[in-house]
Amino acid sequence: MNGPDSPLVSIGVPVYNGQDAIEKALYSLLNQTYRNIQVLISDNASTDNTREICERICAEDERVSYVRQPVNLGPTANFNAALGLARGDYFMWLGHDDWLSEEYIETCVATLDENPGVSLACGQTVYYQDGDA
C-alpha cells in the first residue's frame, strides 16, 4: 500500500512568522510511515527566520516545496496558494504549529481507500500547552 503506486498525498502548510514551530511540523510530515507525500509550504512574506528554516528542509528532502509570497497576501490567499500547487490524489492541511503522529497519513489513506463512500478522514485532536496534553 505504501509503494510507488500508492496515492500521492499533498499537504499544504501555510505559514507566517512560524520560526518557533515550523521545523517540528515539517519533520512530523517527513517522518510519516506513509512516504508518498508532497509537502507544499506557502510562506506569507514572513519577517522572521521561517524562510531559512524552510529552505534548509527543502534542501534535505525533495518531497518539500517552498514558495515565498512577495507580499503578505492575507491568510485565505496564502492557503489558496498552497492548494494551487497540489498534485495529489488526496489533500490535507497542516498548520505550521501542528504536528502528526508517525502513522497519521497512512491511517487516513487506508481509511479512504477501504471506504469509497468516505470523503474525509481525520484523527482525534489533542491540544498541548506548555508540553501538557
Protein backbone atom coordinates (compact mmCIF):
# COMPACT_ATOMS: atom_id res chain seq x y z
CA MET A 1 0.00 0.00 0.00
CA ASN A 2 2.91 2.32 0.55
CA GLY A 3 4.88 1.66 -2.62
CA PRO A 4 5.44 3.65 -5.79
CA ASP A 5 1.83 3.12 -6.88
CA SER A 6 0.42 4.48 -3.60
CA PRO A 7 -1.82 7.54 -3.89
CA LEU A 8 0.08 10.80 -3.65
CA VAL A 9 -0.93 12.88 -0.64
CA SER A 10 -0.37 16.64 -0.96
CA ILE A 11 -0.06 18.57 2.29
CA GLY A 12 -0.48 22.34 2.32
CA VAL A 13 1.44 24.14 5.06
CA PRO A 14 0.61 27.86 5.07
CA VAL A 15 2.88 29.87 7.35
CA TYR A 16 3.55 33.40 8.52
CA ASN A 17 6.33 34.05 11.03
CA GLY A 18 6.41 30.43 12.14
CA GLN A 19 10.09 30.07 13.08
CA ASP A 20 9.28 28.71 16.55
CA ALA A 21 7.21 25.76 15.33
CA ILE A 22 7.59 25.11 11.58
CA GLU A 23 10.56 22.76 11.88
CA LYS A 24 8.70 20.37 14.21
CA ALA A 25 5.63 20.46 11.96
CA LEU A 26 7.63 19.67 8.81
CA TYR A 27 9.61 16.85 10.38
CA SER A 28 6.35 15.32 11.62
CA LEU A 29 5.39 15.08 7.94
CA LEU A 30 8.74 13.85 6.68
CA ASN A 31 8.85 11.11 9.35
CA GLN A 32 5.49 9.64 8.35
CA THR A 33 5.31 5.89 7.74
CA TYR A 34 3.41 6.81 4.56
CA ARG A 35 6.13 8.09 2.23
CA ASN A 36 4.35 9.16 -0.98
CA ILE A 37 3.75 12.76 0.05
CA GLN A 38 4.20 16.23 -1.39
CA VAL A 39 4.72 18.99 1.20
CA LEU A 40 3.78 22.47 -0.04
CA ILE A 41 4.89 25.38 2.13
CA SER A 42 3.41 28.77 1.30
CA ASP A 43 5.21 31.47 3.29
CA ASN A 44 3.13 34.62 3.56
CA ALA A 45 6.14 37.01 3.46
CA SER A 46 7.42 36.10 6.93
CA THR A 47 9.75 38.59 8.58
CA ASP A 48 11.45 36.12 10.93
CA ASN A 49 13.70 33.10 10.18
CA THR A 50 10.90 31.00 8.66
CA ARG A 51 12.44 31.26 5.20
CA GLU A 52 15.85 29.96 6.27
CA ILE A 53 14.34 27.01 8.14
CA CYS A 54 12.09 26.04 5.22
CA GLU A 55 14.84 26.37 2.61
CA ARG A 56 17.14 24.15 4.69
CA ILE A 57 14.47 21.45 4.99
CA CYS A 58 13.71 21.70 1.26
CA ALA A 59 17.38 21.03 0.54
CA GLU A 60 17.20 17.91 2.73
CA ASP A 61 14.11 16.32 1.15
CA GLU A 62 12.86 16.57 -2.42
CA ARG A 63 9.26 16.00 -1.30
CA VAL A 64 9.18 19.52 0.15
CA SER A 65 8.47 22.64 -1.93
CA TYR A 66 8.75 26.17 -0.60
CA VAL A 67 7.10 29.25 -2.08
CA ARG A 68 7.60 32.65 -0.50
CA GLN A 69 4.95 35.24 -1.29
CA PRO A 70 6.50 38.61 -2.21
CA VAL A 71 3.97 40.43 -0.02
CA ASN A 72 1.58 39.31 2.70
CA LEU A 73 -1.50 38.08 0.83
CA GLY A 74 -3.63 37.54 3.90
CA PRO A 75 -4.48 34.08 5.22
CA THR A 76 -7.09 32.99 2.66
CA ALA A 77 -4.96 33.79 -0.39
CA ASN A 78 -1.93 32.14 1.25
CA PHE A 79 -3.92 28.95 1.90
CA ASN A 80 -5.14 29.02 -1.71
CA ALA A 81 -1.56 29.45 -2.96
CA ALA A 82 -0.56 26.17 -1.27
CA LEU A 83 -3.66 24.39 -2.53
CA GLY A 84 -2.97 25.55 -6.09
CA LEU A 85 0.34 23.66 -6.12
CA ALA A 86 -1.18 20.31 -5.12
CA ARG A 87 -0.84 17.29 -7.43
CA GLY A 88 -2.01 14.60 -5.05
CA ASP A 89 -4.85 12.16 -5.14
CA TYR A 90 -5.57 13.34 -1.59
CA PHE A 91 -5.04 16.72 0.06
CA MET A 92 -4.73 17.85 3.64
CA TRP A 93 -3.72 20.95 5.58
CA LEU A 94 -1.21 21.12 8.38
CA GLY A 95 -0.85 24.25 10.47
CA HIS A 96 2.74 25.42 10.81
CA ASP A 97 2.42 24.92 14.57
CA ASP A 98 0.80 21.47 14.44
CA TRP A 99 2.34 18.02 14.20
CA LEU A 100 1.18 14.48 13.50
CA SER A 101 1.83 11.01 14.85
CA GLU A 102 4.01 8.95 12.50
CA GLU A 103 1.13 6.75 11.27
CA TYR A 104 -1.39 9.55 10.75
CA ILE A 105 -1.30 9.80 6.95
CA GLU A 106 -1.04 6.03 6.45
CA THR A 107 -4.14 5.51 8.61
CA CYS A 108 -6.11 8.22 6.82
CA VAL A 109 -5.21 6.91 3.35
CA ALA A 110 -6.13 3.35 4.36
CA THR A 111 -9.50 4.56 5.65
CA LEU A 112 -10.23 6.44 2.43
CA ASP A 113 -9.07 3.58 0.19
CA GLU A 114 -11.08 0.96 2.08
CA ASN A 115 -14.26 3.06 2.16
CA PRO A 116 -15.04 4.54 -1.28
CA GLY A 117 -18.08 6.41 0.05
CA VAL A 118 -15.98 8.32 2.57
CA SER A 119 -14.71 11.74 1.53
CA LEU A 120 -12.92 12.84 4.71
CA ALA A 121 -10.62 11.10 7.16
CA CYS A 122 -9.08 12.75 10.20
CA GLY A 123 -7.70 11.89 13.59
CA GLN A 124 -8.53 12.97 17.08
CA THR A 125 -7.14 16.36 18.04
CA VAL A 126 -5.06 16.64 21.19
CA TYR A 127 -4.21 20.13 22.41
CA TYR A 128 -0.92 20.78 24.15
CA GLN A 129 0.03 23.78 26.22
CA ASP A 130 3.48 24.05 27.76
CA GLY A 131 4.10 20.37 26.94
CA ASP A 132 0.98 19.06 28.67
CA ALA A 133 -1.99 17.45 26.90
